[in-house]
Amino acid sequence: MPFSASEFYSRQILFSGIGQEGQERLRTARVVIVGCGGTGSSIASLLARAGVGFLRIIDRDYVEAGNLQRQTLYDEEDAAAFLPKAVAAARKLAQANSAVEIEPQVADLTPANVETLLDGCSLIMDGTDNFETRYLINDYAVMKGKTWIYSAAVGSVGVTMNILSGETACFACIFPNPPSGVVETCETAGILNVAVNSIGALAAAEALKFLVGAKALMRRTLLSEDLWWSDRAEIPAQAARAGCPCCVKREFPYLQGQNLPHITLCGRNSVQIHEQRRMIDLSQLEKRLARQGEVRSNGFALRFWHEPYDMTFFPDGRAIIKGTTDVGIARSLYARFIGA
């Protein structure tokens, strides 16, 4: 039986920055979280428990044992069943606060679906693991005049920045180009659970300010903190960079489908195939593949082992090919088992 709002949020309502009016604003708020890994899990849990009335959780991936060290919404049963993260997160959040409406979307955010998946929400929270998706979010948010909050973590370092379209610097102002050369990832540098949860908490705090109408209190810097070495730095982000192609010149190449490569996933030796937009009947695929290797399906995804590769197929035609970072090999395996 659900608890009353006055009982559930009593300590939060006592806080002068929120109060009864702020709690009501949270109840009617609509937020989308793109990516529900380490930082996304932390953000989703905090916002649901704070009483944000609607959360749309978008994630393309499924739960694995290696996620459990830092991704607080999942458990060993979720990993054993290789549930999609969006589905597992929605189930856990419903148990934490049944008054919040959770909409799971097992999908990869692309130019083709960005309008549908980000529409209807006043705030976008970043829990992704790659720059390409962040540039896409930035293009959309700037074009639509929406606020979004960037957050990321690797090793012991977390970073976050508020992007208030039309008021502050946008993501492209601070990061004009994607990083090049060798870049640290969870695979190479590891990740501390305290880093993702610390930066997730900071991002969630900024989200609460925005949602209760305290936008003037939101930070106007890119914040970086290293929890292991106790370092903290901030870069000013109060104003747009002169000549910024996105927020000044209003050019949106990622939104138009340019500059969208295959994405190598954080923390795994794998490639996602995402340009194939065709429905896959998982039950039929299971029958076809059963003769060629071990197959497991749960209705949300189908996992197929064909040594040395571990492949996961989704109903929308996407696939995650684990065991290679070679896009050519990944494409070849997709064509072999799904069709060209």
Foldseek 3Di string as FASTA:
>chain_A
DADDPCVLCVVVLPPPLQHPLNLVLQQAAEEEEEAQAQLNLLLLLVSLSSRNAEYEYEEQAWDAPVRVQARPQDDPVRRVQRHRPQVSNQVSSCVNHVRHHYHYDNDDDALVCVCVRGPPHQEYEYPAFADLVLLLVQLVCLVVQGKYKDWDFEQQKIKIAIDRHPWWETPCQVVVDGDDDDDDFCQHRNGHNVNSNVRSVVRSVLVSCVSSVNPVPHDQWIWMAGPVVGDIDTHGTGHYDPPRCPRPVPDRQRSVPPPDDWDQGTNFQKTKDDPDFDFDDVVVLCVVCVVQADWDDDPAWIWGCHPPWIKIAGRRGMMIIGDHPDVVVVVVVSCVSPND
